Amino acid sequence: SNCDECDNSSFCNKCSPPYLLKDLNCVSDCGNGFINNSENTECIKCDDNCNKCETFNLSFCTKCHVNQVLFKGKCLVNCPNGFYVDENKECK
């Protein structure tokens, strides 16, 4: 019902704003592991290592999965030596 263009009743190709296209369905939020594209029309899958990522660099993480910390765009189990984890789960 939130679809502007479709192939059949099951698969959408373009969603009505503000909905986003994700796996041929229209969603209001891309969810974990995805980022909105620059036109804000569809969800793009981030690198598997990222919970959220940069739109133009899908392997540059901006948020990590649970039990991981963010360090210079990468998600790690622990911060490198000489760094500590802050309240945002980032290595400083």
Protein backbone atom coordinates (compact mmCIF):
# COMPACT_ATOMS: atom_id res chain seq x y z
CA SER A 1 0.00 0.00 0.00
CA ASN A 2 3.04 2.29 0.41
CA CYS A 3 4.35 1.29 -3.01
CA ASP A 4 4.47 3.70 -6.00
CA GLU A 5 5.77 1.22 -8.60
CA CYS A 6 5.58 -2.57 -8.50
CA ASP A 7 6.10 -5.66 -10.69
CA ASN A 8 3.20 -7.52 -9.11
CA SER A 9 1.31 -7.47 -5.84
CA SER A 10 4.31 -8.91 -3.93
CA PHE A 11 7.34 -6.91 -5.10
CA CYS A 12 7.81 -3.16 -4.96
CA ASN A 13 10.35 -1.20 -7.07
CA LYS A 14 9.70 2.29 -5.70
CA CYS A 15 8.04 3.36 -2.44
CA SER A 16 5.87 6.36 -1.61
CA PRO A 17 7.79 8.92 0.50
CA PRO A 18 8.71 8.79 3.33
CA TYR A 19 8.91 4.98 2.96
CA LEU A 20 12.13 3.30 1.89
CA LEU A 21 12.63 0.29 -0.36
CA LYS A 22 14.25 -2.68 1.42
CA ASP A 23 14.31 -6.19 -0.08
CA LEU A 24 11.43 -5.30 -2.45
CA ASN A 25 9.26 -4.07 0.45
CA CYS A 26 8.48 -0.58 1.76
CA VAL A 27 9.67 0.18 5.29
CA SER A 28 9.68 3.27 7.49
CA ASP A 29 13.13 2.49 8.94
CA CYS A 30 16.03 0.62 7.34
CA GLY A 31 17.00 -1.04 10.62
CA ASN A 32 20.31 -2.46 11.77
CA GLY A 33 22.92 -3.28 9.16
CA PHE A 34 21.44 -0.89 6.58
CA ILE A 35 21.73 2.80 5.72
CA ASN A 36 19.42 5.13 3.76
CA ASN A 37 20.75 5.94 0.29
CA SER A 38 21.63 9.56 -0.52
CA GLU A 39 18.21 10.17 -2.13
CA ASN A 40 16.48 8.76 0.97
CA THR A 41 14.47 6.34 -1.21
CA GLU A 42 15.93 2.94 -0.38
CA CYS A 43 17.95 0.96 2.14
CA ILE A 44 21.48 -0.16 1.27
CA LYS A 45 23.16 -3.02 3.12
CA CYS A 46 26.26 -2.07 5.07
CA ASP A 47 29.30 -4.31 5.29
CA ASP A 48 28.45 -7.31 7.52
CA ASN A 49 30.81 -5.97 10.17
CA CYS A 50 28.81 -2.72 10.60
CA ASN A 51 25.51 -2.01 12.36
CA LYS A 52 25.40 1.40 10.60
CA CYS A 53 27.79 2.77 7.95
CA GLU A 54 28.59 5.74 5.71
CA THR A 55 26.32 6.10 2.66
CA PHE A 56 29.27 6.43 0.27
CA ASN A 57 31.53 3.87 1.98
CA LEU A 58 29.54 0.83 3.10
CA SER A 59 32.57 -0.70 4.84
CA PHE A 60 33.18 2.42 7.00
CA CYS A 61 31.20 1.73 10.16
CA THR A 62 29.54 4.51 12.16
CA LYS A 63 27.91 2.11 14.65
CA CYS A 64 28.85 -1.44 15.64
CA HIS A 65 26.94 -4.54 16.64
CA VAL A 66 26.46 -5.35 20.33
CA ASN A 67 29.69 -6.40 22.11
CA GLN A 68 31.86 -4.52 19.60
CA VAL A 69 33.59 -1.14 19.77
CA LEU A 70 34.14 1.44 17.02
CA PHE A 71 37.69 2.43 16.08
CA LYS A 72 38.42 4.56 12.99
CA GLY A 73 35.45 3.18 11.04
CA LYS A 74 36.07 -0.45 11.99
CA CYS A 75 34.25 -2.60 14.52
CA LEU A 76 36.50 -4.49 16.91
CA VAL A 77 36.08 -6.75 19.93
CA ASN A 78 38.38 -4.52 22.03
CA CYS A 79 40.08 -1.16 21.64
CA PRO A 80 43.75 -1.25 20.60
CA ASN A 81 46.40 -0.72 23.29
CA GLY A 82 46.48 2.89 24.47
CA PHE A 83 42.77 3.51 23.79
CA TYR A 84 39.71 3.26 26.04
CA VAL A 85 35.99 2.77 25.32
CA ASP A 86 33.78 5.84 25.87
CA GLU A 87 30.04 5.89 26.64
CA ASN A 88 29.23 5.68 22.89
CA LYS A 89 31.21 2.42 22.52
CA GLU A 90 33.95 4.26 20.60
CA CYS A 91 37.69 3.91 21.17
CA LYS A 92 39.31 7.19 22.26
